[in-house]
Amino acid sequence: MPGLPDGKPAGLPCPHLTPTLACALFGDPRRPQVCASLRPGPEMCGDSREYALRHLDELERLTGSR
């Protein structure tokens, strides 16, 4: 399973998520640096999956990934 050399389009799920939504590249050197740099915590994850997804969407918007 390759990394994402050209990045991931904003608004789409990562193609490296397993059926249980875990990262299939966790611990793999091909895991994108941006993923490794994300640190889950209350400010990122909030209290629900929906909050976390909105937060990630906002980060993508702010970084011009769309």
C-alpha atoms as a PDB file:
ATOM      1  CA  MET A   1       0.000   0.000   0.000  1.00  0.00           C
ATOM      2  CA  PRO A   2       1.687   3.243  -1.096  1.00  0.00           C
ATOM      3  CA  GLY A   3       1.803   6.550   0.755  1.00  0.00           C
ATOM      4  CA  LEU A   4       0.213   9.670  -0.735  1.00  0.00           C
ATOM      5  CA  PRO A   5       3.011  11.375  -2.672  1.00  0.00           C
ATOM      6  CA  ASP A   6       0.597  13.910  -4.210  1.00  0.00           C
ATOM      7  CA  GLY A   7      -1.399  14.436  -1.029  1.00  0.00           C
ATOM      8  CA  LYS A   8      -5.047  13.653  -0.390  1.00  0.00           C
ATOM      9  CA  PRO A   9      -7.895  15.690  -1.826  1.00  0.00           C
ATOM     10  CA  ALA A  10      -9.643  17.672   0.898  1.00  0.00           C
ATOM     11  CA  GLY A  11     -13.038  16.394   1.924  1.00  0.00           C
ATOM     12  CA  LEU A  12     -12.315  12.785   1.013  1.00  0.00           C
ATOM     13  CA  PRO A  13     -11.482  10.048   3.515  1.00  0.00           C
ATOM     14  CA  CYS A  14      -7.921   8.826   3.550  1.00  0.00           C
ATOM     15  CA  PRO A  15      -7.601   5.744   1.329  1.00  0.00           C
ATOM     16  CA  HIS A  16      -5.405   4.158   4.008  1.00  0.00           C
ATOM     17  CA  LEU A  17      -8.149   3.840   6.612  1.00  0.00           C
ATOM     18  CA  THR A  18      -9.081   0.314   7.610  1.00  0.00           C
ATOM     19  CA  PRO A  19     -12.743  -0.742   7.934  1.00  0.00           C
ATOM     20  CA  THR A  20     -12.508   0.196  11.624  1.00  0.00           C
ATOM     21  CA  LEU A  21     -11.180   3.686  10.661  1.00  0.00           C
ATOM     22  CA  ALA A  22      -7.666   2.955  11.926  1.00  0.00           C
ATOM     23  CA  CYS A  23      -4.619   4.094   9.957  1.00  0.00           C
ATOM     24  CA  ALA A  24      -3.231   1.206   7.920  1.00  0.00           C
ATOM     25  CA  LEU A  25       0.109   3.066   7.657  1.00  0.00           C
ATOM     26  CA  PHE A  26       0.565   3.708  11.390  1.00  0.00           C
ATOM     27  CA  GLY A  27       4.187   2.916  12.231  1.00  0.00           C
ATOM     28  CA  ASP A  28       5.056   2.566   8.542  1.00  0.00           C
ATOM     29  CA  PRO A  29       7.747   4.900   7.155  1.00  0.00           C
ATOM     30  CA  ARG A  30       5.430   5.616   4.192  1.00  0.00           C
ATOM     31  CA  ARG A  31       2.926   7.285   6.514  1.00  0.00           C
ATOM     32  CA  PRO A  32       2.647  10.942   5.454  1.00  0.00           C
ATOM     33  CA  GLN A  33       4.475  13.375   7.748  1.00  0.00           C
ATOM     34  CA  VAL A  34       1.358  15.512   8.100  1.00  0.00           C
ATOM     35  CA  CYS A  35      -0.457  12.536   9.615  1.00  0.00           C
ATOM     36  CA  ALA A  36       2.399  11.772  11.986  1.00  0.00           C
ATOM     37  CA  SER A  37       2.423  15.414  13.097  1.00  0.00           C
ATOM     38  CA  LEU A  38      -1.248  15.480  14.101  1.00  0.00           C
ATOM     39  CA  ARG A  39      -1.577  15.040  17.837  1.00  0.00           C
ATOM     40  CA  PRO A  40      -5.045  14.027  19.005  1.00  0.00           C
ATOM     41  CA  GLY A  41      -6.295  15.926  22.005  1.00  0.00           C
ATOM     42  CA  PRO A  42      -9.353  17.768  23.257  1.00  0.00           C
ATOM     43  CA  GLU A  43      -8.737  20.765  20.971  1.00  0.00           C
ATOM     44  CA  MET A  44      -8.620  18.507  17.903  1.00  0.00           C
ATOM     45  CA  CYS A  45     -10.998  15.706  18.791  1.00  0.00           C
ATOM     46  CA  GLY A  46     -13.557  17.457  20.963  1.00  0.00           C
ATOM     47  CA  ASP A  47     -16.131  15.116  22.395  1.00  0.00           C
ATOM     48  CA  SER A  48     -17.310  13.359  19.242  1.00  0.00           C
ATOM     49  CA  ARG A  49     -16.259  11.975  15.892  1.00  0.00           C
ATOM     50  CA  GLU A  50     -18.365  14.646  14.205  1.00  0.00           C
ATOM     51  CA  TYR A  51     -16.456  17.419  16.008  1.00  0.00           C
ATOM     52  CA  ALA A  52     -13.115  15.884  15.022  1.00  0.00           C
ATOM     53  CA  LEU A  53     -14.158  15.591  11.370  1.00  0.00           C
ATOM     54  CA  ARG A  54     -15.330  19.234  11.319  1.00  0.00           C
ATOM     55  CA  HIS A  55     -12.000  20.276  12.847  1.00  0.00           C
ATOM     56  CA  LEU A  56     -10.024  18.348  10.220  1.00  0.00           C
ATOM     57  CA  ASP A  57     -12.213  19.859   7.490  1.00  0.00           C
ATOM     58  CA  GLU A  58     -11.428  23.332   8.840  1.00  0.00           C
ATOM     59  CA  LEU A  59      -7.683  22.563   8.879  1.00  0.00           C
ATOM     60  CA  GLU A  60      -7.891  21.453   5.256  1.00  0.00           C
ATOM     61  CA  ARG A  61      -9.785  24.632   4.367  1.00  0.00           C
ATOM     62  CA  LEU A  62      -7.294  26.875   6.161  1.00  0.00           C
ATOM     63  CA  THR A  63      -4.309  25.255   4.500  1.00  0.00           C
ATOM     64  CA  GLY A  64      -5.787  25.576   1.034  1.00  0.00           C
ATOM     65  CA  SER A  65      -5.912  21.843   0.425  1.00  0.00           C
ATOM     66  CA  ARG A  66      -9.188  22.077  -1.504  1.00  0.00           C
END
